[in-house]
Amino acid sequence: MLRRAMIAAAFAAAALTGLAVQAGDEGPSDLEIAHIAYTAGEIDIRYAHLALALSDNPAVRGFAETMIRDHSAVNDAALGLLDKLGAKARDNPTSRSLLKQAAEKRAELKALSGAAFDRAYAENELAYHQFVNKTVEEVFIPAADNEEFKALLGTALKTFKIHQAHAERLVEQTR
């Protein structure tokens, strides 16, 4: 439990520090938020594909399939809104930092197998969703200017909170 909390704190500190440095007093722009959120979704989709490749555990595989389906749907909705608005998400240091951290975590997970992989994947998913949910709720939604985008983030947050609860159960199942 302590290890999981430390992982979540490390993710949150790194990402939120990046947001504060990048955004100054006003918070990140909608286009920066869009890129960070899209990147975070793609990272979780990659974790899920890794789980499908490495796990034989039906609960882990089911969770991974849900992550691919739901995060792909949210990312597709975000891209659709950007297209509608004639805008393009803006790459930023926070997105790049998340990608770097995720590559390191994927390498760590790839070195595991069996129950050790399942447990590490479940713990990572819980920590990741705790981080994403806190960031979306406390940073992204308050900073978003466009009402449609703000609503999309709110809808996504509801889904991600369900993922967090599911990940909590998965952690218990893989102990």
Protein backbone atom coordinates (compact mmCIF):
# COMPACT_ATOMS: atom_id res chain seq x y z
CA MET A 1 0.00 0.00 0.00
CA LEU A 2 2.81 2.41 0.90
CA ARG A 3 4.63 1.58 -2.35
CA ARG A 4 1.50 2.37 -4.35
CA ALA A 5 1.06 5.69 -2.56
CA MET A 6 4.70 6.56 -3.24
CA ILE A 7 4.27 5.78 -6.94
CA ALA A 8 1.15 7.95 -7.12
CA ALA A 9 2.86 10.79 -5.31
CA ALA A 10 5.86 10.62 -7.63
CA PHE A 11 3.67 10.72 -10.74
CA ALA A 12 1.60 13.58 -9.40
CA ALA A 13 4.58 15.61 -8.24
CA ALA A 14 6.41 15.24 -11.55
CA ALA A 15 3.41 16.09 -13.68
CA LEU A 16 2.05 18.88 -11.54
CA THR A 17 5.50 20.43 -11.18
CA GLY A 18 5.76 20.36 -14.96
CA LEU A 19 2.37 22.03 -15.25
CA ALA A 20 3.26 24.76 -12.78
CA VAL A 21 6.56 25.54 -14.47
CA GLN A 22 5.02 25.44 -17.91
CA ALA A 23 1.87 27.34 -17.15
CA GLY A 24 2.90 30.06 -14.74
CA ASP A 25 0.12 31.59 -12.68
CA GLU A 26 -2.68 31.07 -15.21
CA GLY A 27 -2.51 27.30 -15.61
CA PRO A 28 -2.04 25.39 -18.83
CA SER A 29 -3.90 26.47 -21.96
CA ASP A 30 -6.71 24.36 -23.37
CA LEU A 31 -4.44 23.22 -26.21
CA GLU A 32 -1.72 22.19 -23.75
CA ILE A 33 -4.26 20.40 -21.56
CA ALA A 34 -5.59 18.62 -24.65
CA HIS A 35 -2.11 17.37 -25.52
CA ILE A 36 -1.34 16.26 -21.97
CA ALA A 37 -4.69 14.49 -21.63
CA TYR A 38 -4.36 12.80 -25.02
CA THR A 39 -0.82 11.71 -24.16
CA ALA A 40 -1.95 10.33 -20.80
CA GLY A 41 -4.67 8.32 -22.57
CA GLU A 42 -2.21 6.95 -25.12
CA ILE A 43 0.17 5.95 -22.32
CA ASP A 44 -2.55 3.96 -20.60
CA ILE A 45 -3.49 2.32 -23.89
CA ARG A 46 0.15 1.24 -24.31
CA TYR A 47 0.20 -0.17 -20.77
CA ALA A 48 -2.96 -2.10 -21.62
CA HIS A 49 -1.48 -3.56 -24.81
CA LEU A 50 1.52 -4.68 -22.77
CA ALA A 51 -0.82 -6.37 -20.29
CA LEU A 52 -2.58 -8.19 -23.11
CA ALA A 53 0.78 -9.37 -24.43
CA LEU A 54 2.17 -10.53 -21.07
CA SER A 55 -0.71 -11.58 -18.84
CA ASP A 56 -2.80 -14.73 -18.80
CA ASN A 57 -4.88 -13.47 -15.86
CA PRO A 58 -8.50 -12.99 -17.05
CA ALA A 59 -9.09 -10.09 -14.63
CA VAL A 60 -5.97 -8.26 -15.81
CA ARG A 61 -6.80 -8.90 -19.46
CA GLY A 62 -10.39 -7.71 -18.99
CA PHE A 63 -9.19 -4.53 -17.29
CA ALA A 64 -6.68 -3.93 -20.09
CA GLU A 65 -9.38 -4.33 -22.73
CA THR A 66 -11.53 -1.81 -20.87
CA MET A 67 -8.62 0.65 -20.77
CA ILE A 68 -8.07 0.36 -24.52
CA ARG A 69 -11.77 0.80 -25.28
CA ASP A 70 -12.46 3.68 -22.91
CA HIS A 71 -9.25 5.67 -23.36
CA SER A 72 -9.51 5.31 -27.14
CA ALA A 73 -13.08 6.63 -26.99
CA VAL A 74 -12.08 9.64 -24.87
CA ASN A 75 -9.12 10.40 -27.14
CA ASP A 76 -11.34 10.11 -30.22
CA ALA A 77 -13.86 12.51 -28.65
CA ALA A 78 -11.06 14.97 -27.85
CA LEU A 79 -9.73 14.80 -31.41
CA GLY A 80 -13.26 15.31 -32.72
CA LEU A 81 -13.69 18.42 -30.59
CA LEU A 82 -10.32 19.79 -31.71
CA ASP A 83 -11.33 19.22 -35.34
CA LYS A 84 -14.67 20.92 -34.75
CA LEU A 85 -12.89 23.92 -33.23
CA GLY A 86 -10.22 23.98 -35.93
CA ALA A 87 -7.52 23.64 -33.29
CA LYS A 88 -4.47 21.46 -32.76
CA ALA A 89 -3.26 20.18 -29.40
CA ARG A 90 0.01 21.79 -28.34
CA ASP A 91 2.99 19.63 -27.38
CA ASN A 92 4.62 20.74 -24.14
CA PRO A 93 7.22 19.74 -21.54
CA THR A 94 4.63 17.97 -19.37
CA SER A 95 3.55 15.70 -22.22
CA ARG A 96 7.17 14.87 -22.98
CA SER A 97 7.88 14.19 -19.30
CA LEU A 98 4.92 11.83 -19.08
CA LEU A 99 6.12 9.94 -22.16
CA LYS A 100 9.61 9.58 -20.71
CA GLN A 101 8.28 8.30 -17.37
CA ALA A 102 5.94 5.91 -19.15
CA ALA A 103 8.75 4.46 -21.29
CA GLU A 104 10.72 3.77 -18.12
CA LYS A 105 7.68 2.15 -16.46
CA ARG A 106 6.96 -0.01 -19.54
CA ALA A 107 10.57 -1.24 -19.51
CA GLU A 108 10.20 -2.09 -15.84
CA LEU A 109 6.93 -3.94 -16.45
CA LYS A 110 8.33 -5.82 -19.48
CA ALA A 111 10.97 -7.38 -17.24
CA LEU A 112 8.25 -9.08 -15.16
CA SER A 113 6.08 -12.09 -15.82
CA GLY A 114 3.23 -14.04 -14.30
CA ALA A 115 1.82 -12.91 -10.98
CA ALA A 116 4.62 -10.37 -10.49
CA PHE A 117 3.64 -8.63 -13.74
CA ASP A 118 -0.06 -8.76 -12.90
CA ARG A 119 0.51 -7.22 -9.48
CA ALA A 120 2.85 -4.50 -10.81
CA TYR A 121 0.47 -3.68 -13.68
CA ALA A 122 -2.50 -3.41 -11.31
CA GLU A 123 -0.58 -1.21 -8.87
CA ASN A 124 0.64 1.00 -11.69
CA GLU A 125 -2.89 1.37 -13.07
CA LEU A 126 -4.21 2.37 -9.67
CA ALA A 127 -1.44 4.93 -9.13
CA TYR A 128 -1.82 6.21 -12.69
CA HIS A 129 -5.58 6.70 -12.38
CA GLN A 130 -5.19 8.39 -9.01
CA PHE A 131 -2.74 10.79 -10.61
CA VAL A 132 -4.85 11.38 -13.73
CA ASN A 133 -8.05 11.90 -11.74
CA LYS A 134 -6.45 14.37 -9.35
CA THR A 135 -4.86 16.28 -12.22
CA VAL A 136 -8.03 16.42 -14.32
CA GLU A 137 -10.17 17.47 -11.36
CA GLU A 138 -7.82 19.93 -9.68
CA VAL A 139 -5.81 21.34 -12.59
CA PHE A 140 -7.33 20.71 -16.01
CA ILE A 141 -11.03 21.39 -15.41
CA PRO A 142 -10.42 24.61 -13.44
CA ALA A 143 -7.90 25.81 -16.06
CA ALA A 144 -9.99 24.98 -19.15
CA ASP A 145 -11.58 27.95 -20.88
CA ASN A 146 -13.71 26.29 -23.57
CA GLU A 147 -16.99 25.03 -22.07
CA GLU A 148 -17.28 22.07 -24.46
CA PHE A 149 -13.75 21.00 -23.57
CA LYS A 150 -14.45 21.45 -19.87
CA ALA A 151 -17.56 19.25 -20.23
CA LEU A 152 -15.56 16.59 -22.09
CA LEU A 153 -13.00 16.58 -19.28
CA GLY A 154 -15.80 16.21 -16.73
CA THR A 155 -17.31 13.28 -18.60
CA ALA A 156 -13.90 11.65 -18.96
CA LEU A 157 -13.25 12.13 -15.25
CA LYS A 158 -16.40 10.15 -14.40
CA THR A 159 -15.09 7.28 -16.53
CA PHE A 160 -11.60 7.52 -15.06
CA LYS A 161 -12.99 7.39 -11.51
CA ILE A 162 -14.70 4.13 -12.43
CA HIS A 163 -11.34 2.91 -13.75
CA GLN A 164 -9.72 3.85 -10.45
CA ALA A 165 -12.28 1.82 -8.48
CA HIS A 166 -11.79 -1.08 -10.89
CA ALA A 167 -8.01 -0.81 -10.47
CA GLU A 168 -8.42 -0.88 -6.68
CA ARG A 169 -10.28 -4.19 -6.98
CA LEU A 170 -7.67 -5.49 -9.42
CA VAL A 171 -4.88 -4.70 -6.95
CA GLU A 172 -6.71 -6.77 -4.32
CA GLN A 173 -7.21 -9.64 -6.77
CA THR A 174 -3.54 -9.76 -7.76
CA ARG A 175 -2.12 -9.84 -4.22
